Amino acid sequence: MTPSDIRRPLVAAHRGASATHPENTLLAFRAAVDAGADAIELDVRCSSDGVLVVIHDATLDRTTDGHGPVAAHRAAELVRLDAGGSGLPTLEEVAEQIGVPLLVEVKSADAAPVLARLLVAEPRFAARVRVMSFRADHLRVVAQYAPDVPRVLVTRWPGRAALARAAAVGAVGVNAFWPSVTPGSVARARAGGLGVLTWGLGERNLERRLARAVGLGVDVVIVDDPGLARAARDAARG
C-alpha cells in the first residue's frame, strides 16, 4: 500500500464490513473482501494466556455475550463467545483465512510484544501487515522486535507534536481523524515523509468526502462500508 498506487485512496474496511456485519469477526472480514476492500483494519488485545484476540474494547460486554475484561479470560473461552453470530477470532485465524493486507491496531500494552514476536515468526504474514496504535510506546516495542514491519501512528490531530512522535518511532504514516485532514496537515505529513491514512468519514455524504480525500492525496480511507466507499472513490476519480 503505497502513495503511488493508482487506486489511491485505498479502501480499508474498519473492523471489517462493520456497517453490515458484527465488527471484528471473520464474517465481517469475509464480507469486506467480497465487497472489494483493499485492506482490513482490525484491533488486537491479549487474552490472559497471551493469545492475540481480535476485539476493540477492553471489555467483552458491548460486542459479545461475555462480561468483564478481555484480559481476564483465556483464549479458549474468548473464541467460544457469541460476537453476533460469529465467535471472536484470534489474529492467527485471521492470518490464515483472510488474504488481503491488514492494518493491525494494538489496543493494549501486553499485545505489542506478542504481536511483534508473531510477525518475526511468520514473515509471510508480516509482509502484509501494518501495525498501528495511538500509543507511540506500543509502536516502539514493535520496532524493537520487528523493525522491518511498517508502523503507523493513530492520532486525532496530525499536528507537529503528533508528526514528531511518528518520526521518533520510525512510522511510515499517520492515521488521522477525518475532520483534521486538511491541505495543511497533509502537506506537513508529506514534508516529513509520512503517508496519510484517515478514519471517521461516516456514511453520510461519503461521495463528497471521498472526492475531497482524492483531492487531498490521502493514501488510505478506513471506512465501515467498503463497498459504498469503493463506489464513491471510483465516482470521485471519474
Protein backbone atom coordinates (compact mmCIF):
# COMPACT_ATOMS: atom_id res chain seq x y z
CA MET A 1 0.00 0.00 0.00
CA THR A 2 1.96 2.97 -1.25
CA PRO A 3 1.10 6.56 -2.13
CA SER A 4 1.80 5.79 -5.79
CA ASP A 5 -0.95 3.18 -6.00
CA ILE A 6 -3.24 4.16 -8.87
CA ARG A 7 -6.33 3.35 -6.80
CA ARG A 8 -5.47 5.92 -4.15
CA PRO A 9 -7.00 6.26 -1.73
CA LEU A 10 -7.07 2.59 -0.91
CA VAL A 11 -10.20 1.45 0.91
CA ALA A 12 -9.63 -0.32 4.23
CA ALA A 13 -12.61 -1.89 5.98
CA HIS A 14 -12.91 -0.59 9.55
CA ARG A 15 -13.18 -3.68 11.77
CA GLY A 16 -14.28 -5.42 8.59
CA ALA A 17 -17.55 -4.54 6.86
CA SER A 18 -18.82 -3.27 10.21
CA ALA A 19 -21.71 -1.29 8.75
CA THR A 20 -23.45 -4.55 7.85
CA HIS A 21 -21.78 -7.28 9.93
CA PRO A 22 -20.61 -7.77 13.53
CA GLU A 23 -17.37 -5.84 13.92
CA ASN A 24 -14.00 -7.59 14.15
CA THR A 25 -15.35 -11.01 13.18
CA LEU A 26 -14.48 -13.35 10.35
CA LEU A 27 -17.98 -12.71 8.98
CA ALA A 28 -17.17 -9.01 8.72
CA PHE A 29 -13.74 -9.63 7.25
CA ARG A 30 -15.02 -12.01 4.58
CA ALA A 31 -17.80 -9.58 3.69
CA ALA A 32 -15.22 -6.81 3.33
CA VAL A 33 -13.14 -8.91 0.97
CA ASP A 34 -16.27 -9.77 -1.04
CA ALA A 35 -17.08 -6.04 -1.24
CA GLY A 36 -13.66 -5.36 -2.73
CA ALA A 37 -11.84 -3.85 0.24
CA ASP A 38 -8.17 -3.25 -0.49
CA ALA A 39 -7.29 -3.92 3.15
CA ILE A 40 -8.86 -4.62 6.53
CA GLU A 41 -8.36 -2.68 9.75
CA LEU A 42 -8.73 -4.64 12.99
CA ASP A 43 -7.89 -4.39 16.68
CA VAL A 44 -5.97 -6.80 18.89
CA ARG A 45 -5.77 -7.44 22.62
CA CYS A 46 -4.20 -10.23 24.65
CA SER A 47 -6.05 -12.99 26.41
CA SER A 48 -4.94 -13.98 29.90
CA ASP A 49 -2.81 -16.73 28.39
CA GLY A 50 -1.05 -14.46 25.90
CA VAL A 51 -3.03 -15.10 22.70
CA LEU A 52 -3.89 -12.20 20.39
CA VAL A 53 -7.66 -11.92 20.05
CA VAL A 54 -9.40 -9.55 17.65
CA ILE A 55 -11.58 -7.14 19.62
CA HIS A 56 -11.70 -3.37 20.04
CA ASP A 57 -12.93 -2.80 23.59
CA ALA A 58 -11.08 -3.65 26.78
CA THR A 59 -14.24 -5.41 27.98
CA LEU A 60 -16.46 -8.02 26.36
CA ASP A 61 -19.87 -6.56 27.15
CA ARG A 62 -20.57 -4.34 24.11
CA THR A 63 -19.79 -6.76 21.30
CA THR A 64 -20.21 -10.25 22.79
CA ASP A 65 -22.37 -12.23 25.21
CA GLY A 66 -19.45 -12.30 27.63
CA HIS A 67 -18.71 -9.97 30.51
CA GLY A 68 -15.67 -8.36 32.06
CA PRO A 69 -12.17 -7.60 30.83
CA VAL A 70 -10.80 -9.39 27.79
CA ALA A 71 -7.52 -9.83 29.65
CA ALA A 72 -9.23 -11.83 32.41
CA HIS A 73 -10.20 -14.67 30.07
CA ARG A 74 -8.25 -17.43 28.37
CA ALA A 75 -8.30 -17.61 24.59
CA ALA A 76 -10.27 -20.86 24.65
CA GLU A 77 -13.07 -19.05 26.49
CA LEU A 78 -12.99 -15.99 24.26
CA VAL A 79 -13.30 -17.82 20.95
CA ARG A 80 -16.46 -19.57 22.19
CA LEU A 81 -18.29 -16.30 22.88
CA ASP A 82 -21.07 -15.08 20.60
CA ALA A 83 -19.99 -11.85 18.91
CA GLY A 84 -23.18 -11.50 16.87
CA GLY A 85 -23.47 -14.83 15.11
CA SER A 86 -19.74 -15.35 14.96
CA GLY A 87 -17.06 -16.01 17.55
CA LEU A 88 -14.12 -13.80 18.44
CA PRO A 89 -11.27 -14.75 16.12
CA THR A 90 -7.64 -14.93 17.08
CA LEU A 91 -5.23 -12.95 14.93
CA GLU A 92 -3.66 -16.19 13.74
CA GLU A 93 -7.06 -17.36 12.47
CA VAL A 94 -7.45 -14.11 10.55
CA ALA A 95 -3.96 -14.51 9.10
CA GLU A 96 -4.84 -17.99 7.87
CA GLN A 97 -8.26 -17.18 6.43
CA ILE A 98 -8.07 -13.59 5.17
CA GLY A 99 -5.55 -12.87 2.43
CA VAL A 100 -5.71 -9.10 1.99
CA PRO A 101 -3.36 -6.61 3.70
CA LEU A 102 -4.15 -5.95 7.37
CA LEU A 103 -3.92 -2.76 9.42
CA VAL A 104 -3.50 -4.18 12.91
CA GLU A 105 -4.17 -1.70 15.71
CA VAL A 106 -2.57 -2.56 19.04
CA LYS A 107 -5.07 -1.76 21.81
CA SER A 108 -3.16 -2.92 24.89
CA ALA A 109 0.44 -2.74 26.05
CA ASP A 110 0.74 -6.50 26.54
CA ALA A 111 -0.32 -7.10 22.93
CA ALA A 112 2.62 -5.20 21.41
CA PRO A 113 5.45 -7.66 22.17
CA VAL A 114 3.23 -10.67 21.43
CA LEU A 115 2.33 -9.21 18.03
CA ALA A 116 5.95 -8.38 17.29
CA ARG A 117 7.09 -11.93 18.06
CA LEU A 118 4.34 -13.35 15.85
CA LEU A 119 5.42 -11.12 12.97
CA VAL A 120 9.04 -12.22 13.36
CA ALA A 121 7.97 -15.88 13.40
CA GLU A 122 5.66 -15.52 10.39
CA PRO A 123 7.42 -13.37 7.76
CA ARG A 124 4.87 -14.13 5.03
CA PHE A 125 2.13 -12.80 7.29
CA ALA A 126 4.27 -9.85 8.34
CA ALA A 127 4.71 -8.84 4.70
CA ARG A 128 1.05 -7.81 4.50
CA VAL A 129 0.74 -6.14 7.91
CA ARG A 130 0.93 -2.51 9.00
CA VAL A 131 0.95 -2.06 12.78
CA MET A 132 -0.98 0.91 14.16
CA SER A 133 -1.51 2.44 17.58
CA PHE A 134 -2.47 5.67 19.30
CA ARG A 135 0.44 4.93 21.63
CA ALA A 136 3.95 5.64 20.40
CA ASP A 137 5.34 3.33 23.09
CA HIS A 138 3.39 0.40 21.60
CA LEU A 139 4.93 1.12 18.20
CA ARG A 140 8.35 1.43 19.79
CA VAL A 141 8.04 -2.09 21.21
CA VAL A 142 7.07 -3.46 17.80
CA ALA A 143 10.02 -1.64 16.24
CA GLN A 144 12.37 -3.20 18.78
CA TYR A 145 11.39 -6.77 17.87
CA ALA A 146 10.22 -6.39 14.26
CA PRO A 147 11.88 -3.26 12.83
CA ASP A 148 11.02 -4.08 9.22
CA VAL A 149 7.25 -4.14 9.79
CA PRO A 150 5.78 -0.73 8.86
CA ARG A 151 4.24 1.29 11.69
CA VAL A 152 1.52 3.95 11.67
CA LEU A 153 0.68 6.38 14.47
CA VAL A 154 -3.04 6.93 15.02
CA THR A 155 -3.98 10.46 16.05
CA ARG A 156 -7.00 12.71 16.31
CA TRP A 157 -4.94 15.71 15.21
CA PRO A 158 -1.88 15.36 12.95
CA GLY A 159 -0.17 18.47 14.28
CA ARG A 160 3.54 18.99 14.68
CA ALA A 161 3.67 17.12 18.01
CA ALA A 162 1.98 14.04 16.54
CA LEU A 163 4.21 14.13 13.48
CA ALA A 164 7.26 14.34 15.72
CA ARG A 165 6.07 11.30 17.69
CA ALA A 166 5.52 9.42 14.44
CA ALA A 167 9.00 10.28 13.22
CA ALA A 168 10.54 9.30 16.56
CA VAL A 169 9.24 5.72 16.24
CA GLY A 170 10.10 5.43 12.56
CA ALA A 171 6.48 5.40 11.45
CA VAL A 172 5.68 5.32 7.75
CA GLY A 173 2.43 7.21 8.18
CA VAL A 174 -0.17 8.82 10.39
CA ASN A 175 -3.79 7.71 10.64
CA ALA A 176 -5.69 10.93 11.33
CA PHE A 177 -9.30 11.63 12.30
CA TRP A 178 -11.07 12.82 9.14
CA PRO A 179 -12.09 16.32 10.35
CA SER A 180 -8.41 17.05 10.99
CA VAL A 181 -7.31 16.13 7.46
CA THR A 182 -6.68 19.43 5.68
CA PRO A 183 -4.35 20.60 2.91
CA GLY A 184 -2.03 21.89 5.62
CA SER A 185 -1.94 18.70 7.68
CA VAL A 186 -1.41 16.57 4.58
CA ALA A 187 1.40 18.86 3.44
CA ARG A 188 3.10 18.67 6.85
CA ALA A 189 2.88 14.88 6.84
CA ARG A 190 4.27 14.69 3.32
CA ALA A 191 7.12 17.04 4.24
CA GLY A 192 8.05 14.58 6.97
CA GLY A 193 7.97 11.66 4.57
CA LEU A 194 4.78 10.24 6.06
CA GLY A 195 1.80 8.67 4.34
CA VAL A 196 -1.70 9.81 5.31
CA LEU A 197 -4.49 7.46 6.37
CA THR A 198 -7.82 8.63 7.74
CA TRP A 199 -10.78 7.31 9.73
CA GLY A 200 -14.12 8.67 10.88
CA LEU A 201 -15.57 9.62 7.49
CA GLY A 202 -19.00 8.17 8.31
CA GLU A 203 -21.51 7.16 5.63
CA ARG A 204 -23.44 10.40 5.11
CA ASN A 205 -22.13 12.45 2.18
CA LEU A 206 -19.48 9.80 1.62
CA GLU A 207 -19.13 10.52 -2.09
CA ARG A 208 -18.33 14.16 -1.35
CA ARG A 209 -15.86 13.18 1.36
CA LEU A 210 -14.15 10.63 -0.86
CA ALA A 211 -13.85 13.26 -3.58
CA ARG A 212 -12.14 15.52 -1.05
CA ALA A 213 -9.85 12.67 0.06
CA VAL A 214 -8.87 12.08 -3.57
CA GLY A 215 -8.14 15.78 -4.00
CA LEU A 216 -6.04 15.91 -0.85
CA GLY A 217 -3.99 12.91 -1.90
CA VAL A 218 -4.95 10.73 1.07
CA ASP A 219 -3.42 7.26 0.80
CA VAL A 220 -5.94 5.14 2.72
CA VAL A 221 -9.51 5.71 3.91
CA ILE A 222 -10.74 3.46 6.73
CA VAL A 223 -14.50 3.00 6.44
CA ASP A 224 -17.35 0.90 7.81
CA ASP A 225 -18.88 0.18 4.39
CA PRO A 226 -16.09 -0.69 1.95
CA GLY A 227 -18.43 -1.37 -0.98
CA LEU A 228 -20.03 2.06 -0.68
CA ALA A 229 -16.62 3.67 -0.27
CA ARG A 230 -15.19 1.96 -3.34
CA ALA A 231 -18.10 3.16 -5.43
CA ALA A 232 -17.71 6.69 -4.07
CA ARG A 233 -13.97 6.68 -4.67
CA ASP A 234 -14.34 5.44 -8.23
CA ALA A 235 -17.01 8.06 -8.91
CA ALA A 236 -14.74 10.76 -7.50
CA ARG A 237 -11.88 9.64 -9.70
CA GLY A 238 -14.12 9.74 -12.76
